[in-house]
């Protein structure tokens, strides 16, 4: 999975969104150093945003903070509920259940993985 994210991050901006609080953001580099080390990856926590998944507005807010239209974003999660709310917000979204499905989704979106 990290290899795929690293390849995508070479091509487009990658952001992570979690429904956790500020403590996770503060400790993220210690908890997941291999993810935190990926260049250009931005990390958002709902505790900072004041809004959380599955509210479709959270996807619009993160896209806005990244300087993108939500319609130009891709969202991947293992929660079908969160994926559906991202779609309601206007994002192209994919339920992660295997790496091959993720690769197909990203390739279909025009990315090289």
Protein backbone atom coordinates (compact mmCIF):
# COMPACT_ATOMS: atom_id res chain seq x y z
CA UNK A 1 0.00 0.00 0.00
CA UNK A 2 2.78 2.45 0.86
CA UNK A 3 4.36 1.85 -2.53
CA UNK A 4 1.10 2.78 -4.28
CA UNK A 5 0.65 5.91 -2.16
CA UNK A 6 4.26 6.94 -2.82
CA UNK A 7 3.74 6.54 -6.59
CA UNK A 8 0.53 8.56 -6.47
CA UNK A 9 2.23 11.27 -4.37
CA UNK A 10 4.79 11.70 -7.16
CA UNK A 11 1.94 12.68 -9.49
CA UNK A 12 -0.66 14.49 -7.40
CA UNK A 13 -1.15 15.90 -3.94
CA UNK A 14 -2.09 13.22 -1.40
CA UNK A 15 -3.95 13.99 1.80
CA UNK A 16 -4.97 11.79 4.68
CA UNK A 17 -8.18 12.44 6.61
CA UNK A 18 -8.99 10.79 9.92
CA UNK A 19 -11.80 11.22 12.40
CA UNK A 20 -9.28 11.27 15.22
CA UNK A 21 -8.25 14.20 17.34
CA UNK A 22 -5.24 16.44 17.59
CA UNK A 23 -3.25 13.95 19.65
CA UNK A 24 -2.99 11.61 16.67
CA UNK A 25 -1.76 14.46 14.48
CA UNK A 26 0.82 15.37 17.08
CA UNK A 27 2.03 11.76 17.43
CA UNK A 28 1.57 10.70 13.81
CA UNK A 29 5.27 10.65 12.91
CA UNK A 30 5.95 8.36 15.87
CA UNK A 31 2.94 6.09 15.28
CA UNK A 32 3.28 5.75 11.49
CA UNK A 33 6.79 6.95 10.56
CA UNK A 34 6.73 5.30 7.13
CA UNK A 35 3.58 7.20 6.19
CA UNK A 36 4.69 10.46 7.78
CA UNK A 37 7.93 10.25 5.78
CA UNK A 38 6.15 10.25 2.41
CA UNK A 39 7.00 13.54 0.71
CA UNK A 40 4.18 16.00 0.13
CA UNK A 41 1.50 14.07 2.01
CA UNK A 42 -0.75 16.33 4.09
CA UNK A 43 -2.58 15.03 7.16
CA UNK A 44 -5.96 16.32 8.38
CA UNK A 45 -7.72 15.32 11.59
CA UNK A 46 -11.36 16.05 12.26
CA UNK A 47 -10.43 17.38 15.70
CA UNK A 48 -8.76 20.33 13.97
CA UNK A 49 -11.45 20.74 11.33
CA UNK A 50 -14.48 20.71 13.63
CA UNK A 51 -16.27 18.37 11.23
CA UNK A 52 -15.92 14.65 10.57
CA UNK A 53 -16.71 11.87 8.14
CA UNK A 54 -19.37 10.96 7.08
CA UNK A 55 -20.51 14.58 6.77
CA UNK A 56 -20.05 15.40 3.06
CA UNK A 57 -18.94 18.91 4.03
CA UNK A 58 -15.66 17.55 5.43
CA UNK A 59 -14.58 16.46 1.96
CA UNK A 60 -15.39 19.87 0.55
CA UNK A 61 -13.45 21.55 3.36
CA UNK A 62 -10.34 19.40 2.90
CA UNK A 63 -10.42 19.92 -0.86
CA UNK A 64 -10.74 23.68 -0.32
CA UNK A 65 -7.80 23.71 2.10
CA UNK A 66 -5.76 21.87 -0.51
CA UNK A 67 -6.70 24.36 -3.22
CA UNK A 68 -8.78 21.90 -5.22
CA UNK A 69 -12.38 21.51 -6.25
CA UNK A 70 -13.90 18.48 -4.56
CA UNK A 71 -14.98 17.26 -8.02
CA UNK A 72 -11.30 16.99 -8.94
CA UNK A 73 -10.48 14.77 -5.97
CA UNK A 74 -10.27 11.05 -5.40
CA UNK A 75 -11.19 9.50 -2.06
CA UNK A 76 -10.32 5.99 -0.88
CA UNK A 77 -11.53 4.39 2.34
CA UNK A 78 -12.47 0.95 3.62
CA UNK A 79 -15.80 2.33 4.89
CA UNK A 80 -18.61 2.21 2.34
CA UNK A 81 -20.46 4.87 4.36
CA UNK A 82 -17.54 7.31 4.08
CA UNK A 83 -17.08 6.56 0.40
CA UNK A 84 -20.74 7.26 -0.27
CA UNK A 85 -20.59 10.57 1.60
CA UNK A 86 -17.48 11.56 -0.40
CA UNK A 87 -19.45 10.82 -3.57
CA UNK A 88 -22.33 12.96 -2.29
CA UNK A 89 -19.82 15.77 -1.84
CA UNK A 90 -18.74 15.38 -5.48
CA UNK A 91 -15.53 13.35 -5.19
CA UNK A 92 -14.72 10.22 -7.16
CA UNK A 93 -14.50 7.58 -4.46
CA UNK A 94 -13.52 3.95 -4.00
CA UNK A 95 -14.12 1.38 -1.26
CA UNK A 96 -10.74 -0.18 -0.52
CA UNK A 97 -10.98 -3.95 -0.19
CA UNK A 98 -7.84 -5.06 -2.02
CA UNK A 99 -4.74 -3.53 -3.54
CA UNK A 100 -5.62 -4.66 -7.07
CA UNK A 101 -8.98 -2.87 -6.90
CA UNK A 102 -7.24 0.26 -5.68
CA UNK A 103 -4.74 0.09 -8.53
CA UNK A 104 -7.60 -0.23 -11.05
CA UNK A 105 -9.41 2.75 -9.53
CA UNK A 106 -6.29 4.91 -9.64
CA UNK A 107 -5.37 3.79 -13.16
CA UNK A 108 -8.91 4.52 -14.35
CA UNK A 109 -8.46 8.01 -12.87
CA UNK A 110 -5.37 8.52 -15.04
CA UNK A 111 -2.65 7.84 -12.49
CA UNK A 112 0.34 5.57 -12.96
CA UNK A 113 0.62 2.97 -10.22
